[in-house]
């Protein structure tokens, strides 16, 4: 089992709120633009560029860190089912990993939480982001088994479900966060997902069924 991070394990509300504060715009305004950018098929980080000409997300992250308002992932950011749900899967004998489109700093923060998982990695550490097939090749390598034995769980239609399936993994969409709800009944999700869930606690039953 390999889990995406943002809006799968981590509620991104506080991080988007910090970006809104940094850019000097209301949270609901940034949220609306992120939604519009996502529906247009663009990376949601591109929404930040609408508010500042020449926006460079890497540079702005460094400036935030220097200003003492950098990236943060704390226990309060985890969805309520995460720690117990991951622990149950691991106790059942499954290998459990975390891999998402996050910075190297996010990888450090996630490992610092001491989640009941076997490995944590991010695209920032690997140098390749989803939906690139190379990302999923690294996932399979990390899991140490055949691609078809890996179940990838995420909230994003293109980056998680479609891309994981194309790479030979099994794919599950979790219906939470804006993208999970937006795409839960999407034709591509219905085509490629091995299941759609609302909670990590539903995974054992889903896996038992096939």
C-alpha atoms as a PDB file:
ATOM      1  CA  UNK A   1       0.000   0.000   0.000  1.00  0.00           C
ATOM      2  CA  UNK A   2       1.401   3.380  -0.999  1.00  0.00           C
ATOM      3  CA  UNK A   3      -0.352   6.604  -0.082  1.00  0.00           C
ATOM      4  CA  UNK A   4      -0.284  10.040  -1.643  1.00  0.00           C
ATOM      5  CA  UNK A   5       0.183  12.905   0.842  1.00  0.00           C
ATOM      6  CA  UNK A   6      -1.835  16.068   0.170  1.00  0.00           C
ATOM      7  CA  UNK A   7      -5.592  15.569   0.663  1.00  0.00           C
ATOM      8  CA  UNK A   8      -4.988  11.851   1.161  1.00  0.00           C
ATOM      9  CA  UNK A   9      -3.143  11.770   4.469  1.00  0.00           C
ATOM     10  CA  UNK A  10      -2.732  15.494   5.073  1.00  0.00           C
ATOM     11  CA  UNK A  11      -5.447  18.160   5.057  1.00  0.00           C
ATOM     12  CA  UNK A  12      -3.809  20.975   3.081  1.00  0.00           C
ATOM     13  CA  UNK A  13      -6.063  23.727   4.467  1.00  0.00           C
ATOM     14  CA  UNK A  14      -3.445  25.282   6.742  1.00  0.00           C
ATOM     15  CA  UNK A  15      -0.771  25.273   4.031  1.00  0.00           C
ATOM     16  CA  UNK A  16      -3.052  26.953   1.489  1.00  0.00           C
ATOM     17  CA  UNK A  17      -3.984  29.440   4.217  1.00  0.00           C
ATOM     18  CA  UNK A  18      -0.306  30.265   4.740  1.00  0.00           C
ATOM     19  CA  UNK A  19       0.119  30.807   0.999  1.00  0.00           C
ATOM     20  CA  UNK A  20      -2.918  33.114   0.981  1.00  0.00           C
ATOM     21  CA  UNK A  21      -1.434  35.124   3.866  1.00  0.00           C
ATOM     22  CA  UNK A  22       1.946  35.265   2.123  1.00  0.00           C
ATOM     23  CA  UNK A  23       0.373  36.529  -1.084  1.00  0.00           C
ATOM     24  CA  UNK A  24      -1.959  38.913   0.736  1.00  0.00           C
ATOM     25  CA  UNK A  25      -5.196  37.500  -0.660  1.00  0.00           C
ATOM     26  CA  UNK A  26      -8.274  36.037   1.069  1.00  0.00           C
ATOM     27  CA  UNK A  27      -8.254  32.253   1.499  1.00  0.00           C
ATOM     28  CA  UNK A  28     -11.498  31.840  -0.421  1.00  0.00           C
ATOM     29  CA  UNK A  29     -10.045  33.805  -3.364  1.00  0.00           C
ATOM     30  CA  UNK A  30      -6.986  31.580  -3.568  1.00  0.00           C
ATOM     31  CA  UNK A  31      -9.172  28.479  -3.182  1.00  0.00           C
ATOM     32  CA  UNK A  32     -11.398  29.568  -6.065  1.00  0.00           C
ATOM     33  CA  UNK A  33      -8.422  30.146  -8.357  1.00  0.00           C
ATOM     34  CA  UNK A  34      -6.856  26.807  -7.373  1.00  0.00           C
ATOM     35  CA  UNK A  35     -10.138  25.117  -8.280  1.00  0.00           C
ATOM     36  CA  UNK A  36     -10.325  26.859 -11.639  1.00  0.00           C
ATOM     37  CA  UNK A  37      -6.723  25.979 -12.454  1.00  0.00           C
ATOM     38  CA  UNK A  38      -7.318  22.342 -11.510  1.00  0.00           C
ATOM     39  CA  UNK A  39     -10.429  22.025 -13.674  1.00  0.00           C
ATOM     40  CA  UNK A  40      -8.391  23.483 -16.547  1.00  0.00           C
ATOM     41  CA  UNK A  41      -5.993  20.556 -16.171  1.00  0.00           C
ATOM     42  CA  UNK A  42      -3.074  22.554 -14.795  1.00  0.00           C
ATOM     43  CA  UNK A  43      -0.972  21.929 -11.689  1.00  0.00           C
ATOM     44  CA  UNK A  44      -2.651  23.553  -8.703  1.00  0.00           C
ATOM     45  CA  UNK A  45       0.599  25.295  -7.742  1.00  0.00           C
ATOM     46  CA  UNK A  46       0.221  27.358 -10.930  1.00  0.00           C
ATOM     47  CA  UNK A  47      -2.655  29.158  -9.214  1.00  0.00           C
ATOM     48  CA  UNK A  48      -0.135  31.008  -7.069  1.00  0.00           C
ATOM     49  CA  UNK A  49       1.256  32.744 -10.151  1.00  0.00           C
ATOM     50  CA  UNK A  50      -2.036  34.512 -10.798  1.00  0.00           C
ATOM     51  CA  UNK A  51      -1.395  36.788  -7.834  1.00  0.00           C
ATOM     52  CA  UNK A  52       2.204  37.819  -8.424  1.00  0.00           C
ATOM     53  CA  UNK A  53       3.978  38.450 -11.725  1.00  0.00           C
ATOM     54  CA  UNK A  54       7.045  36.293 -12.274  1.00  0.00           C
ATOM     55  CA  UNK A  55       6.116  34.042  -9.360  1.00  0.00           C
ATOM     56  CA  UNK A  56       8.742  31.357  -8.654  1.00  0.00           C
ATOM     57  CA  UNK A  57       7.388  28.815  -6.194  1.00  0.00           C
ATOM     58  CA  UNK A  58      10.841  27.536  -5.202  1.00  0.00           C
ATOM     59  CA  UNK A  59      12.118  31.036  -4.457  1.00  0.00           C
ATOM     60  CA  UNK A  60       8.961  31.944  -2.549  1.00  0.00           C
ATOM     61  CA  UNK A  61       9.255  28.783  -0.434  1.00  0.00           C
ATOM     62  CA  UNK A  62      12.805  29.802   0.496  1.00  0.00           C
ATOM     63  CA  UNK A  63      11.643  33.302   1.382  1.00  0.00           C
ATOM     64  CA  UNK A  64       8.872  31.888   3.543  1.00  0.00           C
ATOM     65  CA  UNK A  65      11.385  29.713   5.391  1.00  0.00           C
ATOM     66  CA  UNK A  66      13.656  32.715   5.958  1.00  0.00           C
ATOM     67  CA  UNK A  67      10.670  34.692   7.273  1.00  0.00           C
ATOM     68  CA  UNK A  68       9.796  31.940   9.739  1.00  0.00           C
ATOM     69  CA  UNK A  69       6.529  30.988   8.037  1.00  0.00           C
ATOM     70  CA  UNK A  70       7.751  28.048   6.016  1.00  0.00           C
ATOM     71  CA  UNK A  71       6.211  24.703   5.215  1.00  0.00           C
ATOM     72  CA  UNK A  72       4.706  22.870   8.180  1.00  0.00           C
ATOM     73  CA  UNK A  73       3.081  19.457   8.615  1.00  0.00           C
ATOM     74  CA  UNK A  74       1.906  18.689  12.124  1.00  0.00           C
ATOM     75  CA  UNK A  75      -0.256  16.070  13.795  1.00  0.00           C
ATOM     76  CA  UNK A  76      -3.248  18.404  13.550  1.00  0.00           C
ATOM     77  CA  UNK A  77      -2.917  18.388   9.746  1.00  0.00           C
ATOM     78  CA  UNK A  78      -3.467  14.615   9.469  1.00  0.00           C
ATOM     79  CA  UNK A  79      -6.947  13.400   8.597  1.00  0.00           C
ATOM     80  CA  UNK A  80      -8.534  11.674  11.625  1.00  0.00           C
ATOM     81  CA  UNK A  81      -8.305   8.143  10.202  1.00  0.00           C
ATOM     82  CA  UNK A  82      -4.646   8.317   9.177  1.00  0.00           C
ATOM     83  CA  UNK A  83      -2.621   7.094  12.135  1.00  0.00           C
ATOM     84  CA  UNK A  84      -5.028   4.326  13.139  1.00  0.00           C
ATOM     85  CA  UNK A  85      -5.818   3.343   9.542  1.00  0.00           C
ATOM     86  CA  UNK A  86      -2.176   3.010   8.516  1.00  0.00           C
ATOM     87  CA  UNK A  87      -1.419   1.111  11.698  1.00  0.00           C
ATOM     88  CA  UNK A  88      -4.178  -1.404  11.036  1.00  0.00           C
ATOM     89  CA  UNK A  89      -2.909  -2.058   7.521  1.00  0.00           C
ATOM     90  CA  UNK A  90       0.617  -2.588   8.776  1.00  0.00           C
ATOM     91  CA  UNK A  91      -0.572  -4.819  11.615  1.00  0.00           C
ATOM     92  CA  UNK A  92      -2.357  -6.909   8.978  1.00  0.00           C
ATOM     93  CA  UNK A  93       1.026  -7.661   7.417  1.00  0.00           C
ATOM     94  CA  UNK A  94       0.964  -5.162   4.553  1.00  0.00           C
ATOM     95  CA  UNK A  95       3.959  -3.077   3.528  1.00  0.00           C
ATOM     96  CA  UNK A  96       2.865   0.563   3.874  1.00  0.00           C
ATOM     97  CA  UNK A  97       4.570   3.521   2.232  1.00  0.00           C
ATOM     98  CA  UNK A  98       4.009   7.213   1.627  1.00  0.00           C
ATOM     99  CA  UNK A  99       4.997   8.939  -1.609  1.00  0.00           C
ATOM    100  CA  UNK A 100       3.648  12.223  -2.945  1.00  0.00           C
ATOM    101  CA  UNK A 101       4.342  15.358  -4.939  1.00  0.00           C
ATOM    102  CA  UNK A 102       5.928  17.244  -2.078  1.00  0.00           C
ATOM    103  CA  UNK A 103       9.173  18.997  -1.315  1.00  0.00           C
ATOM    104  CA  UNK A 104      12.186  17.363   0.310  1.00  0.00           C
ATOM    105  CA  UNK A 105      11.342  19.426   3.388  1.00  0.00           C
ATOM    106  CA  UNK A 106       7.886  17.842   3.496  1.00  0.00           C
ATOM    107  CA  UNK A 107       9.538  14.432   3.491  1.00  0.00           C
ATOM    108  CA  UNK A 108      11.511  15.404   6.592  1.00  0.00           C
ATOM    109  CA  UNK A 109       8.383  16.722   8.290  1.00  0.00           C
ATOM    110  CA  UNK A 110       6.405  13.569   7.508  1.00  0.00           C
ATOM    111  CA  UNK A 111       9.141  11.307   8.850  1.00  0.00           C
ATOM    112  CA  UNK A 112       9.225  13.445  11.973  1.00  0.00           C
ATOM    113  CA  UNK A 113       5.609  12.529  12.698  1.00  0.00           C
ATOM    114  CA  UNK A 114       6.566   8.899  13.257  1.00  0.00           C
ATOM    115  CA  UNK A 115       3.706   7.469  11.230  1.00  0.00           C
ATOM    116  CA  UNK A 116       3.240   3.661  11.296  1.00  0.00           C
ATOM    117  CA  UNK A 117       4.724   3.181   7.813  1.00  0.00           C
ATOM    118  CA  UNK A 118       7.712   1.423   6.296  1.00  0.00           C
ATOM    119  CA  UNK A 119       8.976   4.257   4.105  1.00  0.00           C
ATOM    120  CA  UNK A 120       8.344   7.909   3.222  1.00  0.00           C
ATOM    121  CA  UNK A 121       9.512   9.622   0.033  1.00  0.00           C
ATOM    122  CA  UNK A 122       8.629  12.721  -1.967  1.00  0.00           C
ATOM    123  CA  UNK A 123       9.038  13.892  -5.529  1.00  0.00           C
ATOM    124  CA  UNK A 124      11.375  16.598  -4.248  1.00  0.00           C
ATOM    125  CA  UNK A 125      13.708  13.920  -2.913  1.00  0.00           C
ATOM    126  CA  UNK A 126      13.444  11.736  -6.000  1.00  0.00           C
ATOM    127  CA  UNK A 127      13.693  14.540  -8.535  1.00  0.00           C
ATOM    128  CA  UNK A 128      10.674  13.284 -10.480  1.00  0.00           C
ATOM    129  CA  UNK A 129       7.023  14.240  -9.883  1.00  0.00           C
ATOM    130  CA  UNK A 130       3.718  12.532 -10.606  1.00  0.00           C
ATOM    131  CA  UNK A 131       2.340  11.836 -13.164  1.00  0.00           C
ATOM    132  CA  UNK A 132       5.745  10.995 -14.682  1.00  0.00           C
ATOM    133  CA  UNK A 133       6.124   7.191 -15.042  1.00  0.00           C
ATOM    134  CA  UNK A 134       9.505   7.566 -13.377  1.00  0.00           C
ATOM    135  CA  UNK A 135       7.793   8.493 -10.128  1.00  0.00           C
ATOM    136  CA  UNK A 136       5.829   5.249 -10.101  1.00  0.00           C
ATOM    137  CA  UNK A 137       8.940   3.280 -11.031  1.00  0.00           C
ATOM    138  CA  UNK A 138      10.490   4.676  -7.854  1.00  0.00           C
ATOM    139  CA  UNK A 139       7.354   3.744  -5.903  1.00  0.00           C
ATOM    140  CA  UNK A 140       7.599   0.148  -7.112  1.00  0.00           C
ATOM    141  CA  UNK A 141      11.312   0.073  -6.320  1.00  0.00           C
ATOM    142  CA  UNK A 142      10.637   1.430  -2.838  1.00  0.00           C
ATOM    143  CA  UNK A 143       7.930  -1.171  -2.207  1.00  0.00           C
ATOM    144  CA  UNK A 144      10.191  -3.980  -3.386  1.00  0.00           C
ATOM    145  CA  UNK A 145       7.581  -5.954  -5.303  1.00  0.00           C
ATOM    146  CA  UNK A 146       5.971  -6.167  -8.735  1.00  0.00           C
ATOM    147  CA  UNK A 147       3.977  -3.143  -9.921  1.00  0.00           C
ATOM    148  CA  UNK A 148       0.738  -5.126  -9.983  1.00  0.00           C
ATOM    149  CA  UNK A 149       1.143  -5.899  -6.287  1.00  0.00           C
ATOM    150  CA  UNK A 150       1.235  -2.219  -5.314  1.00  0.00           C
ATOM    151  CA  UNK A 151      -1.991  -0.385  -4.451  1.00  0.00           C
ATOM    152  CA  UNK A 152      -1.606   3.380  -4.829  1.00  0.00           C
ATOM    153  CA  UNK A 153      -4.131   5.506  -2.921  1.00  0.00           C
ATOM    154  CA  UNK A 154      -4.655   9.166  -3.779  1.00  0.00           C
ATOM    155  CA  UNK A 155      -7.182  11.932  -4.344  1.00  0.00           C
ATOM    156  CA  UNK A 156      -6.148  13.124  -7.817  1.00  0.00           C
ATOM    157  CA  UNK A 157      -7.621  11.682 -11.007  1.00  0.00           C
ATOM    158  CA  UNK A 158      -4.663  12.366 -13.298  1.00  0.00           C
ATOM    159  CA  UNK A 159      -1.697  12.249 -10.927  1.00  0.00           C
ATOM    160  CA  UNK A 160      -2.878   9.304  -8.849  1.00  0.00           C
ATOM    161  CA  UNK A 161      -5.509   7.107 -10.494  1.00  0.00           C
ATOM    162  CA  UNK A 162      -4.780   7.390 -14.226  1.00  0.00           C
ATOM    163  CA  UNK A 163      -1.004   7.638 -13.877  1.00  0.00           C
ATOM    164  CA  UNK A 164      -0.713   4.770 -11.374  1.00  0.00           C
ATOM    165  CA  UNK A 165      -2.890   2.516 -13.520  1.00  0.00           C
ATOM    166  CA  UNK A 166      -0.850   3.333 -16.632  1.00  0.00           C
ATOM    167  CA  UNK A 167       2.292   2.356 -14.718  1.00  0.00           C
ATOM    168  CA  UNK A 168       0.804  -1.057 -13.899  1.00  0.00           C
ATOM    169  CA  UNK A 169      -0.172  -0.385 -10.291  1.00  0.00           C
ATOM    170  CA  UNK A 170      -3.599  -0.832  -8.762  1.00  0.00           C
ATOM    171  CA  UNK A 171      -5.251   2.509  -8.042  1.00  0.00           C
ATOM    172  CA  UNK A 172      -7.735   3.679  -5.430  1.00  0.00           C
ATOM    173  CA  UNK A 173      -9.250   7.161  -5.257  1.00  0.00           C
ATOM    174  CA  UNK A 174     -10.011   8.581  -1.831  1.00  0.00           C
ATOM    175  CA  UNK A 175     -12.962  10.942  -1.872  1.00  0.00           C
ATOM    176  CA  UNK A 176     -11.778  13.889   0.202  1.00  0.00           C
ATOM    177  CA  UNK A 177     -10.292  17.261  -0.441  1.00  0.00           C
ATOM    178  CA  UNK A 178     -11.506  19.270  -3.440  1.00  0.00           C
ATOM    179  CA  UNK A 179     -10.071  16.941  -6.086  1.00  0.00           C
ATOM    180  CA  UNK A 180     -11.235  13.712  -4.535  1.00  0.00           C
ATOM    181  CA  UNK A 181     -14.798  14.999  -4.458  1.00  0.00           C
ATOM    182  CA  UNK A 182     -14.577  16.641  -7.880  1.00  0.00           C
ATOM    183  CA  UNK A 183     -13.419  13.474  -9.632  1.00  0.00           C
ATOM    184  CA  UNK A 184     -14.981  10.642  -7.627  1.00  0.00           C
ATOM    185  CA  UNK A 185     -17.507   9.890 -10.380  1.00  0.00           C
ATOM    186  CA  UNK A 186     -15.372  10.982 -13.329  1.00  0.00           C
ATOM    187  CA  UNK A 187     -15.406   8.595 -16.339  1.00  0.00           C
ATOM    188  CA  UNK A 188     -11.621   8.180 -16.177  1.00  0.00           C
ATOM    189  CA  UNK A 189     -11.807   7.298 -12.498  1.00  0.00           C
ATOM    190  CA  UNK A 190     -14.586   4.790 -13.188  1.00  0.00           C
ATOM    191  CA  UNK A 191     -12.389   3.314 -15.932  1.00  0.00           C
ATOM    192  CA  UNK A 192      -9.112   3.068 -14.025  1.00  0.00           C
ATOM    193  CA  UNK A 193      -9.806   2.991 -10.288  1.00  0.00           C
ATOM    194  CA  UNK A 194      -9.950  -0.332  -8.497  1.00  0.00           C
ATOM    195  CA  UNK A 195     -12.125   1.366  -5.920  1.00  0.00           C
ATOM    196  CA  UNK A 196     -13.318   4.689  -4.515  1.00  0.00           C
ATOM    197  CA  UNK A 197     -13.257   5.103  -0.745  1.00  0.00           C
ATOM    198  CA  UNK A 198     -14.116   7.765   1.833  1.00  0.00           C
ATOM    199  CA  UNK A 199     -11.752   6.533   4.541  1.00  0.00           C
ATOM    200  CA  UNK A 200      -8.567   4.512   4.934  1.00  0.00           C
ATOM    201  CA  UNK A 201     -10.588   2.208   7.176  1.00  0.00           C
ATOM    202  CA  UNK A 202     -12.429   0.948   4.064  1.00  0.00           C
ATOM    203  CA  UNK A 203      -9.274  -0.445   2.457  1.00  0.00           C
ATOM    204  CA  UNK A 204      -9.138  -3.865   4.180  1.00  0.00           C
ATOM    205  CA  UNK A 205     -12.650  -4.727   2.936  1.00  0.00           C
ATOM    206  CA  UNK A 206     -11.836  -3.395  -0.543  1.00  0.00           C
ATOM    207  CA  UNK A 207      -8.673  -5.482  -0.719  1.00  0.00           C
ATOM    208  CA  UNK A 208     -10.446  -8.576   0.551  1.00  0.00           C
ATOM    209  CA  UNK A 209     -12.941  -8.213  -2.271  1.00  0.00           C
ATOM    210  CA  UNK A 210     -10.338  -8.407  -4.980  1.00  0.00           C
END
